[in-house]
Amino acid sequence: MFNNVGTVDRIIRLILATALAYFGLLIYGGSALGIGLTIVAAVLAISALAGSCLLYGLFGINTRNPQQN
């Protein structure tokens, strides 16, 4: 799969993943909501670190600057 997540998008995803992981693990830890938040945080973090998003690929969205390598 090709990279389709730009730098700003990656930073926003990492910030959101950190916040969701905090709430999921420390605030709602052990509950169904906490587990759900932690899973969403993990998906966001993985897509940010990999630079690729499956949903963006399905919908043809590309936030990556064409000049980025």
Protein backbone atom coordinates (compact mmCIF):
# COMPACT_ATOMS: atom_id res chain seq x y z
CA MET A 1 0.00 0.00 0.00
CA PHE A 2 1.27 3.48 -0.83
CA ASN A 3 1.66 6.39 1.56
CA ASN A 4 -1.39 8.65 1.51
CA VAL A 5 -1.15 10.45 4.88
CA GLY A 6 0.58 13.84 4.95
CA THR A 7 2.77 15.28 7.68
CA VAL A 8 0.12 17.47 9.33
CA ASP A 9 -2.37 14.59 9.22
CA ARG A 10 0.19 12.29 10.85
CA ILE A 11 0.85 14.77 13.66
CA ILE A 12 -2.87 15.21 14.33
CA ARG A 13 -3.35 11.43 14.36
CA LEU A 14 -0.52 10.97 16.87
CA ILE A 15 -1.90 13.68 19.16
CA LEU A 16 -5.39 12.15 19.01
CA ALA A 17 -3.98 8.67 19.56
CA THR A 18 -2.12 9.85 22.65
CA ALA A 19 -5.23 11.52 24.08
CA LEU A 20 -7.45 8.52 23.35
CA ALA A 21 -4.91 6.10 24.82
CA TYR A 22 -4.74 8.24 27.97
CA PHE A 23 -8.52 8.20 28.39
CA GLY A 24 -8.82 4.56 27.38
CA LEU A 25 -6.12 3.26 29.69
CA LEU A 26 -6.14 5.61 32.67
CA ILE A 27 -9.59 7.15 32.89
CA TYR A 28 -11.85 4.36 31.60
CA GLY A 29 -9.43 1.46 32.07
CA GLY A 30 -11.00 -1.97 32.02
CA SER A 31 -14.43 -0.87 30.81
CA ALA A 32 -15.80 -1.48 27.33
CA LEU A 33 -15.40 2.22 26.55
CA GLY A 34 -11.77 2.12 27.67
CA ILE A 35 -11.02 -0.88 25.50
CA GLY A 36 -12.72 0.76 22.51
CA LEU A 37 -10.79 4.00 22.97
CA THR A 38 -7.53 2.09 23.26
CA ILE A 39 -8.22 0.17 20.04
CA VAL A 40 -9.04 3.37 18.15
CA ALA A 41 -5.86 4.96 19.55
CA ALA A 42 -3.79 2.01 18.35
CA VAL A 43 -5.27 2.17 14.84
CA LEU A 44 -4.61 5.93 14.63
CA ALA A 45 -1.04 5.52 15.88
CA ILE A 46 -0.28 2.69 13.45
CA SER A 47 -1.66 4.60 10.47
CA ALA A 48 0.27 7.73 11.50
CA LEU A 49 3.55 5.86 11.90
CA ALA A 50 3.08 3.88 8.69
CA GLY A 51 1.94 6.93 6.72
CA SER A 52 -0.85 4.95 5.13
CA CYS A 53 -4.58 4.83 5.84
CA LEU A 54 -6.83 2.09 4.48
CA LEU A 55 -9.97 4.25 4.54
CA TYR A 56 -8.19 7.04 2.67
CA GLY A 57 -7.18 4.47 0.05
CA LEU A 58 -10.75 3.20 -0.32
CA PHE A 59 -12.13 6.70 -0.83
CA GLY A 60 -9.23 7.98 -2.93
CA ILE A 61 -8.15 10.59 -0.38
CA ASN A 62 -4.51 11.65 -0.33
CA THR A 63 -3.29 14.29 2.15
CA ARG A 64 0.35 13.69 1.31
CA ASN A 65 2.17 16.42 -0.61
CA PRO A 66 3.16 15.03 -4.03
CA GLN A 67 6.67 16.46 -3.55
CA GLN A 68 7.28 14.38 -0.38
CA ASN A 69 9.35 11.24 -0.86
